[in-house]
Protein backbone atom coordinates (compact mmCIF):
# COMPACT_ATOMS: atom_id res chain seq x y z
CA MET A 1 -26.78 2.39 -16.82
CA THR A 2 -28.04 1.49 -13.34
CA LEU A 3 -25.55 2.44 -10.66
CA LEU A 4 -25.65 -0.27 -8.03
CA TRP A 5 -22.99 0.88 -5.62
CA GLN A 6 -23.50 4.63 -5.36
CA PRO A 7 -23.94 6.03 -1.82
CA SER A 8 -27.16 7.70 -0.74
CA PRO A 9 -27.38 11.47 -0.20
CA PRO A 10 -25.97 12.26 3.26
CA ASP A 11 -29.38 13.14 4.74
CA HIS A 12 -28.75 10.64 7.54
CA VAL A 13 -25.55 12.38 8.71
CA PRO A 14 -25.92 14.69 11.75
CA SER A 15 -24.39 18.12 11.19
CA ASP A 16 -22.01 17.78 14.15
CA HIS A 17 -20.39 14.78 12.44
CA ILE A 18 -19.63 16.58 9.16
CA VAL A 19 -16.03 17.79 8.71
CA ASP A 20 -14.60 19.71 5.76
CA PHE A 21 -11.77 17.33 4.86
CA ASP A 22 -10.30 16.23 1.52
CA PHE A 23 -7.70 13.49 1.87
CA PHE A 24 -6.33 14.22 -1.60
CA ASP A 25 -5.63 17.86 -0.74
CA ILE A 26 -2.15 18.47 0.65
CA PRO A 27 -1.82 22.18 1.56
CA ALA A 28 1.10 24.19 0.21
CA GLY A 29 4.01 24.04 2.60
CA CYS A 30 2.97 20.71 4.11
CA THR A 31 6.12 18.59 4.35
CA ASP A 32 4.40 15.34 5.33
CA PRO A 33 1.07 14.10 3.89
CA THR A 34 0.27 12.25 7.13
CA GLU A 35 0.03 15.63 8.88
CA ILE A 36 -3.42 16.26 7.40
CA TRP A 37 -4.66 13.13 9.19
CA HIS A 38 -3.01 13.75 12.53
CA ASN A 39 -4.21 17.35 12.50
CA LEU A 40 -7.76 15.97 12.61
CA VAL A 41 -6.97 14.28 15.92
CA LYS A 42 -5.29 17.42 17.26
CA GLN A 43 -8.36 19.48 16.31
CA GLY A 44 -10.60 17.11 18.27
CA VAL A 45 -12.92 16.15 15.42
CA PRO A 46 -15.33 13.25 16.13
CA PRO A 47 -13.58 9.84 16.01
CA ILE A 48 -16.09 8.88 13.32
CA PHE A 49 -16.98 11.72 10.98
CA TYR A 50 -18.35 12.32 7.50
CA THR A 51 -16.87 14.53 4.80
CA PRO A 52 -18.79 15.60 1.66
CA HIS A 53 -15.63 15.60 -0.48
CA ASN A 54 -14.85 12.95 -3.11
CA GLY A 55 -18.43 11.71 -3.34
CA GLY A 56 -18.90 11.77 0.43
CA HIS A 57 -17.49 9.23 2.86
CA TRP A 58 -16.93 8.38 6.52
CA VAL A 59 -13.58 8.34 8.30
CA PHE A 60 -12.66 6.16 11.29
CA LEU A 61 -9.91 7.58 13.52
CA ASN A 62 -9.77 5.19 16.52
CA TYR A 63 -7.63 2.06 16.34
CA ALA A 64 -10.50 -0.13 17.58
CA ASP A 65 -12.88 1.19 14.91
CA VAL A 66 -10.30 0.78 12.14
CA VAL A 67 -9.70 -2.82 13.23
CA GLU A 68 -13.46 -3.46 13.23
CA GLY A 69 -13.63 -1.98 9.74
CA TYR A 70 -11.03 -4.52 8.63
CA ARG A 71 -12.45 -7.54 10.42
CA ASN A 72 -16.21 -7.11 10.04
CA HIS A 73 -16.53 -7.91 6.34
CA GLU A 74 -20.25 -8.59 6.70
CA LEU A 75 -20.79 -4.91 7.46
CA PHE A 76 -17.74 -3.29 5.84
CA SER A 77 -17.15 -4.86 2.44
CA THR A 78 -14.13 -4.59 0.15
CA TYR A 79 -16.35 -5.10 -2.91
CA GLN A 80 -16.81 -2.00 -5.10
CA THR A 81 -15.26 0.51 -2.71
CA PRO A 82 -13.51 3.23 -4.75
CA ILE A 83 -13.50 6.82 -3.50
CA PRO A 84 -14.75 8.81 -5.35
CA PRO A 85 -17.29 6.14 -6.38
CA ILE A 86 -16.61 4.68 -9.83
CA GLU A 87 -18.77 2.17 -11.72
CA PRO A 88 -17.84 -0.23 -13.10
CA PHE A 89 -14.61 -0.74 -11.16
CA PRO A 90 -12.19 -3.70 -11.48
CA ILE A 91 -12.88 -6.44 -8.95
CA MET A 92 -9.39 -7.14 -7.64
CA GLN A 93 -8.95 -10.80 -6.72
CA PRO A 94 -8.89 -11.70 -3.87
CA GLN A 95 -8.81 -8.30 -2.12
CA GLY A 96 -12.01 -6.99 -3.66
CA ILE A 97 -14.05 -10.08 -2.79
CA ASP A 98 -15.48 -10.84 0.64
CA PRO A 99 -15.27 -14.18 2.49
CA PRO A 100 -15.79 -16.97 1.81
CA ASP A 101 -15.32 -16.32 -1.92
CA ASN A 102 -11.98 -14.56 -1.43
CA LYS A 103 -10.43 -17.79 -0.11
CA VAL A 104 -10.13 -19.28 -3.59
CA PHE A 105 -7.41 -16.94 -4.81
CA ARG A 106 -5.91 -16.38 -1.34
CA LEU A 107 -5.24 -20.12 -1.11
CA LEU A 108 -3.76 -20.03 -4.61
CA LEU A 109 -1.43 -17.11 -3.85
CA SER A 110 -0.50 -17.69 -0.20
CA PRO A 111 2.13 -20.44 -0.74
CA MET A 112 4.12 -18.05 -2.94
CA PHE A 113 4.34 -15.40 -0.20
CA THR A 114 5.05 -17.43 2.94
CA PRO A 115 8.03 -16.38 5.11
CA LEU A 116 9.99 -19.38 3.77
CA ALA A 117 9.17 -18.61 0.14
CA VAL A 118 10.16 -14.98 0.63
CA ARG A 119 13.41 -15.91 2.40
CA ARG A 120 14.40 -17.83 -0.71
CA MET A 121 14.19 -14.56 -2.66
CA THR A 122 16.72 -12.79 -0.42
CA GLU A 123 19.79 -13.39 -2.55
CA GLY A 124 18.07 -12.05 -5.66
CA LEU A 125 16.74 -9.03 -3.77
CA HIS A 126 20.25 -8.21 -2.52
CA ALA A 127 21.60 -8.47 -6.06
CA ARG A 128 18.88 -6.12 -7.33
CA ALA A 129 19.53 -3.61 -4.54
CA ASN A 130 23.26 -3.54 -5.21
CA HIS A 131 22.74 -3.25 -8.96
CA LEU A 132 20.59 -0.15 -8.48
CA ILE A 133 23.02 1.40 -6.00
CA ASP A 134 25.82 0.80 -8.53
CA THR A 135 24.16 3.26 -10.89
CA PHE A 136 24.45 6.29 -8.58
CA GLU A 137 26.76 5.58 -5.62
CA ALA A 138 29.77 7.28 -7.22
CA LYS A 139 27.73 10.40 -8.02
CA ASN A 140 27.30 11.08 -4.29
CA HIS A 141 23.66 12.02 -4.77
CA CYS A 142 20.37 10.68 -6.16
CA ASP A 143 16.66 11.21 -6.31
CA PHE A 144 15.70 8.26 -4.17
CA VAL A 145 12.20 7.94 -5.64
CA ARG A 146 13.29 8.00 -9.27
CA ASP A 147 16.59 6.14 -8.90
CA TYR A 148 15.65 3.45 -6.39
CA ALA A 149 12.24 3.34 -4.70
CA GLU A 150 10.24 3.17 -7.95
CA LEU A 151 12.59 0.73 -9.64
CA PHE A 152 13.14 -1.85 -6.91
CA PRO A 153 9.56 -3.15 -6.37
CA THR A 154 8.69 -2.85 -10.06
CA ALA A 155 11.72 -4.94 -11.06
CA THR A 156 10.78 -7.46 -8.37
CA PHE A 157 7.24 -7.64 -9.78
CA LEU A 158 8.59 -8.31 -13.28
CA GLU A 159 10.80 -11.14 -12.06
CA LEU A 160 8.03 -12.73 -10.02
CA PHE A 161 5.77 -12.62 -13.08
CA GLY A 162 8.41 -14.11 -15.35
CA LEU A 163 8.95 -10.93 -17.36
CA GLY A 164 12.27 -9.54 -18.58
CA ALA A 165 13.96 -6.46 -17.12
CA GLU A 166 13.69 -4.75 -20.52
CA ARG A 167 10.00 -4.13 -19.77
CA LEU A 168 10.77 -2.03 -16.70
CA PRO A 169 10.18 1.36 -18.43
CA GLU A 170 6.81 0.14 -19.76
CA PHE A 171 5.58 -0.99 -16.36
CA LEU A 172 6.93 2.11 -14.63
CA ALA A 173 4.95 4.29 -17.04
CA LEU A 174 1.78 2.26 -16.43
CA ALA A 175 2.23 2.40 -12.65
CA ASN A 176 3.00 6.13 -12.54
CA THR A 177 -0.10 6.96 -14.56
CA PHE A 178 -2.29 4.69 -12.43
CA PHE A 179 -1.08 6.07 -9.11
CA ARG A 180 -0.58 9.73 -10.00
CA SER A 181 -3.01 10.85 -12.70
CA VAL A 182 -6.17 12.70 -11.63
CA ASP A 183 -7.60 12.95 -15.15
CA PRO A 184 -10.62 10.58 -15.39
CA ALA A 185 -10.11 9.91 -19.10
CA VAL A 186 -6.41 9.22 -18.65
CA ARG A 187 -7.11 6.94 -15.68
CA ALA A 188 -9.76 5.00 -17.59
CA GLN A 189 -7.42 4.45 -20.55
CA ASN A 190 -4.62 3.49 -18.18
CA VAL A 191 -6.70 0.72 -16.58
CA THR A 192 -7.57 -0.53 -20.08
CA ASP A 193 -3.87 -0.54 -20.98
CA ILE A 194 -2.90 -2.45 -17.82
CA TYR A 195 -5.53 -5.10 -18.48
CA ALA A 196 -4.37 -5.43 -22.09
CA VAL A 197 -0.80 -6.09 -20.90
CA LEU A 198 -2.02 -8.59 -18.32
CA ASP A 199 -4.21 -10.35 -20.86
CA GLN A 200 -1.26 -10.80 -23.22
CA LEU A 201 0.97 -11.96 -20.36
CA PHE A 202 -1.48 -14.58 -19.05
CA ARG A 203 -2.22 -15.90 -22.54
CA GLU A 204 1.51 -16.38 -23.13
CA LYS A 205 1.87 -18.15 -19.77
CA ASN A 206 -1.18 -20.27 -20.54
CA ALA A 207 0.49 -21.48 -23.71
CA ASN A 208 4.00 -21.76 -22.26
CA PRO A 209 3.82 -21.98 -18.46
CA GLY A 210 6.87 -21.56 -16.26
CA THR A 211 7.52 -21.49 -12.53
CA ASP A 212 6.55 -17.85 -12.00
CA ILE A 213 3.49 -16.41 -10.25
CA ALA A 214 1.69 -15.59 -13.49
CA SER A 215 1.98 -19.21 -14.59
CA THR A 216 0.75 -20.44 -11.21
CA ILE A 217 -2.32 -18.20 -11.42
CA VAL A 218 -3.23 -19.20 -14.96
CA GLN A 219 -2.67 -22.90 -14.23
CA GLY A 220 -4.80 -22.82 -11.07
CA ARG A 221 -7.96 -24.89 -11.13
CA ASP A 222 -11.30 -24.52 -9.37
CA GLU A 223 -13.08 -27.21 -7.34
CA ASN A 224 -14.32 -28.80 -10.58
CA GLY A 225 -10.85 -29.00 -12.07
CA GLN A 226 -11.54 -26.16 -14.49
CA GLN A 227 -9.40 -23.09 -15.12
CA HIS A 228 -10.60 -20.08 -13.16
CA LYS A 229 -12.68 -17.51 -15.02
CA TRP A 230 -10.48 -15.41 -17.26
CA ASP A 231 -11.78 -12.17 -15.73
CA ASP A 232 -10.79 -13.43 -12.27
CA ILE A 233 -7.31 -14.30 -13.53
CA LEU A 234 -6.90 -10.79 -14.95
CA ASN A 235 -8.29 -9.22 -11.77
CA CYS A 236 -5.80 -11.19 -9.67
CA GLY A 237 -2.95 -9.93 -11.84
CA PHE A 238 -4.29 -6.40 -11.53
CA LEU A 239 -4.31 -6.64 -7.72
CA LEU A 240 -0.71 -7.84 -7.61
CA PHE A 241 0.30 -5.03 -9.95
CA VAL A 242 -1.46 -2.37 -7.88
CA ALA A 243 -0.62 -3.70 -4.41
CA GLY A 244 2.98 -4.67 -5.02
CA LEU A 245 4.38 -1.42 -6.35
CA ASP A 246 3.19 1.87 -4.93
CA THR A 247 2.90 1.01 -1.24
CA VAL A 248 6.45 -0.37 -1.18
CA THR A 249 7.78 2.61 -3.11
CA ASN A 250 6.23 5.16 -0.78
CA THR A 251 6.97 3.26 2.43
CA MET A 252 10.63 3.09 1.44
CA THR A 253 10.63 6.79 0.61
CA TYR A 254 9.25 7.65 4.05
CA ILE A 255 11.80 5.41 5.75
CA TRP A 256 14.77 6.86 3.85
CA ARG A 257 13.49 10.35 4.62
CA TYR A 258 13.64 9.42 8.30
CA LEU A 259 17.03 7.70 8.10
CA ALA A 260 18.53 10.67 6.25
CA THR A 261 17.81 12.91 9.24
CA ASN A 262 18.57 10.40 12.02
CA PRO A 263 22.19 9.19 12.28
CA ARG A 264 21.37 7.21 15.44
CA ALA A 265 18.69 5.25 13.58
CA ARG A 266 21.15 4.48 10.78
CA GLN A 267 23.68 3.29 13.32
CA HIS A 268 21.04 1.14 15.01
CA PHE A 269 20.42 -0.77 11.77
CA ILE A 270 24.16 -1.03 11.05
CA SER A 271 24.85 -2.42 14.53
CA LYS A 272 22.04 -4.97 14.16
CA MET A 273 23.02 -6.05 10.65
CA ASP A 274 23.75 -9.62 11.82
CA ASP A 275 20.83 -9.76 14.26
CA GLN A 276 17.80 -10.67 12.15
CA GLN A 277 15.30 -10.48 15.01
CA ALA A 278 16.45 -7.05 16.18
CA SER A 279 16.46 -5.76 12.61
CA LEU A 280 12.90 -6.95 12.07
CA ILE A 281 11.75 -5.35 15.35
CA ALA A 282 13.23 -2.02 14.21
CA LEU A 283 11.67 -2.40 10.76
CA GLU A 284 8.23 -3.14 12.24
CA GLU A 285 8.44 0.16 14.12
CA LEU A 286 9.26 2.05 10.93
CA MET A 287 6.36 0.26 9.23
CA ARG A 288 4.09 1.37 12.08
CA ILE A 289 5.08 5.02 12.05
CA ASN A 290 5.28 5.25 8.25
CA ALA A 291 1.96 3.68 7.23
CA VAL A 292 1.14 5.18 3.83
CA SER A 293 -2.20 3.55 2.93
CA ASN A 294 -5.75 4.71 3.59
CA LEU A 295 -7.97 1.78 2.70
CA TYR A 296 -11.59 1.83 1.59
CA ARG A 297 -14.64 -0.10 2.71
CA ARG A 298 -18.32 -0.02 1.63
CA VAL A 299 -21.21 -0.38 4.06
CA THR A 300 -23.31 -3.39 3.05
CA LYS A 301 -26.63 -2.45 4.67
CA ASP A 302 -28.44 0.25 6.62
CA CYS A 303 -27.23 -0.10 10.19
CA GLU A 304 -26.12 1.57 13.38
CA PHE A 305 -22.43 1.48 14.31
CA ARG A 306 -21.03 3.12 17.45
CA GLY A 307 -24.36 4.92 17.82
CA ILE A 308 -24.16 6.43 14.32
CA GLN A 309 -26.53 5.68 11.44
CA PHE A 310 -24.93 4.32 8.28
CA LYS A 311 -26.65 3.71 4.96
CA ARG A 312 -26.04 0.96 2.44
CA ASN A 313 -23.19 1.84 0.06
CA ASP A 314 -21.75 4.53 2.35
CA ARG A 315 -17.99 4.60 1.89
CA VAL A 316 -15.53 4.42 4.79
CA ILE A 317 -11.82 5.23 4.92
CA LEU A 318 -9.53 3.40 7.35
CA PRO A 319 -6.40 5.58 7.76
CA ASN A 320 -3.62 3.31 9.03
CA THR A 321 -1.38 6.21 10.00
CA VAL A 322 -3.92 7.40 12.59
CA ALA A 323 -4.69 3.94 13.97
CA ASN A 324 -0.97 3.23 14.33
CA ARG A 325 -0.50 6.28 16.55
CA ASP A 326 -3.42 5.68 18.90
CA ASN A 327 -2.11 6.31 22.43
CA LYS A 328 -4.66 3.88 23.82
CA ILE A 329 -2.83 1.07 22.03
CA PHE A 330 0.78 2.19 21.67
CA GLU A 331 2.83 3.62 24.53
CA ASN A 332 4.32 6.98 23.47
CA ALA A 333 2.66 6.39 20.13
CA MET A 334 4.14 9.43 18.36
CA GLU A 335 7.71 8.41 19.26
CA ILE A 336 9.82 6.05 17.18
CA ASP A 337 11.19 3.25 19.36
CA LEU A 338 13.32 0.87 17.28
CA ASN A 339 13.28 -1.60 20.19
CA ARG A 340 9.47 -1.63 20.58
CA LYS A 341 8.63 -5.21 21.49
CA VAL A 342 4.83 -5.18 21.26
CA ASN A 343 3.77 -3.67 17.96
CA ASN A 344 0.26 -4.54 16.84
CA HIS A 345 0.21 -2.07 13.97
CA VAL A 346 -2.33 -2.29 11.17
CA THR A 347 -0.08 -1.24 8.29
CA PHE A 348 -0.90 -4.46 6.44
CA GLY A 349 -4.49 -4.62 7.67
CA VAL A 350 -5.96 -7.33 9.88
CA GLY A 351 -8.60 -9.99 9.43
CA PRO A 352 -9.65 -11.81 6.25
CA HIS A 353 -8.09 -9.28 3.87
CA ARG A 354 -4.71 -8.87 5.57
CA CYS A 355 -2.07 -8.21 2.91
CA ILE A 356 -0.83 -11.48 1.40
CA GLY A 357 2.42 -9.83 0.33
CA SER A 358 3.38 -8.39 3.72
CA HIS A 359 6.36 -10.73 4.18
CA LEU A 360 7.69 -9.83 0.74
CA ALA A 361 7.21 -6.10 1.34
CA LYS A 362 9.13 -6.25 4.62
CA ARG A 363 11.89 -8.36 3.06
CA GLU A 364 12.26 -5.91 0.15
CA ILE A 365 12.61 -2.99 2.54
CA LEU A 366 14.94 -4.71 5.01
CA VAL A 367 17.22 -5.94 2.23
CA SER A 368 17.27 -2.43 0.79
CA ILE A 369 18.18 -0.89 4.16
CA GLN A 370 21.00 -3.37 4.70
CA ALA A 371 22.43 -3.05 1.19
CA TRP A 372 22.21 0.75 1.30
CA LEU A 373 23.74 1.22 4.75
CA THR A 374 26.56 -1.20 3.93
CA ARG A 375 27.60 1.01 1.03
CA ILE A 376 26.21 4.44 1.99
CA PRO A 377 26.17 4.55 5.81
CA ASP A 378 26.04 8.35 6.03
CA PHE A 379 23.65 10.37 3.90
CA HIS A 380 21.40 13.37 4.29
CA LEU A 381 18.62 15.29 2.59
CA ASP A 382 19.99 17.32 -0.30
CA ASN A 383 19.80 21.05 0.45
CA GLY A 384 17.56 20.40 3.41
CA ASP A 385 14.90 18.82 1.17
CA VAL A 386 12.30 17.31 3.51
CA GLY A 387 10.20 15.73 0.80
CA ALA A 388 9.05 18.05 -1.96
CA GLU A 389 5.92 17.42 -3.99
CA ALA A 390 3.96 15.56 -1.33
CA PHE A 391 0.71 13.91 -2.42
CA GLY A 392 -2.27 12.39 -0.64
CA GLY A 393 -4.95 9.88 -1.51
CA ALA A 394 -5.28 6.14 -0.97
CA VAL A 395 -1.48 5.94 -0.81
CA MET A 396 0.48 8.94 0.47
CA GLY A 397 4.03 9.86 -0.39
CA PHE A 398 6.47 12.08 -2.24
CA ARG A 399 7.22 12.40 -5.93
CA SER A 400 10.84 13.22 -5.16
CA LEU A 401 13.35 12.71 -2.34
CA LYS A 402 16.80 14.06 -3.09
CA LEU A 403 19.66 12.60 -1.08
CA ARG A 404 23.39 13.36 -0.90
CA TRP A 405 26.38 11.68 0.73
């Protein structure tokens, strides 16, 4: 098989730009996966450097370079970007397609994730949050990841796709394998299993459409009035499955970890419960400081960028957590200011591939904060647990977060 998207040997990389760094490797005793990224800045490594780990890739550390990586799709593509390189790799629609071709599915999906459309989901999100809290509130403790953060976005995904709650264990198992397994054979089978589930789902919706997102996707038509290619329909479903679950789960886990150790922050949200604008300003700050994703790009051609030579198919990582704490952009960038008025964070990306579901993600988290603090206003880390079992990778987080109240 001819490998079309494999990077070249790093012969073009100057030795002073090579850093021994593995973004999957979280050292023993590390209580926060983002520390491995911020330690790079503290050590004074080059703002653009190359690491030979995971197939070899570049890392951008400056906010301006990360933003350019997002916006300049002609140079930094989202097509075939996995790290380590994998071929063939699912082409997630529309995220894994560059403009102008990505507009087809973005235009199809966007109306379902507008601020107004998401606001209409609020009542259902509150009901889901309270139902989950019902299952453990009286116990005075929980594992937040297992008992809430994993369940909430997955249940939301099922409802949006017109699937019953009885399938929650099935989709949780699929998601946990996809996001956590490091075994290549297991991962390959998992992707096959996810696509099989999506294929069955879309065929059922094709035969009996409803008002859900899956039905909208399968009923969409191209410029010639024809149904979109079946592979594109499946790839769109795969993107929504991947993007809608793990980032929300791990962002919520980071936020609850912070709230558990900061009574003043909890009180801030409680006092602003009826002030939507103030609540959103505070949430944006927690989204800035708790960015969990490190997104990939692929260099489209041999070129020079910021005085450095890049080769076609070189991979690049854009670590949002570093960009969001760039002191050149954010005043007192390492401090959490829940009243921060200007907050141009890149947690959801920028440019043509900015996250379509950002409004839904923020609404899920804000609703969860409000429902939780209404019922459990005072809580803390159980036995001083600061986030055991931390993991790195494209999405960082914790496998467990034990809370008590």
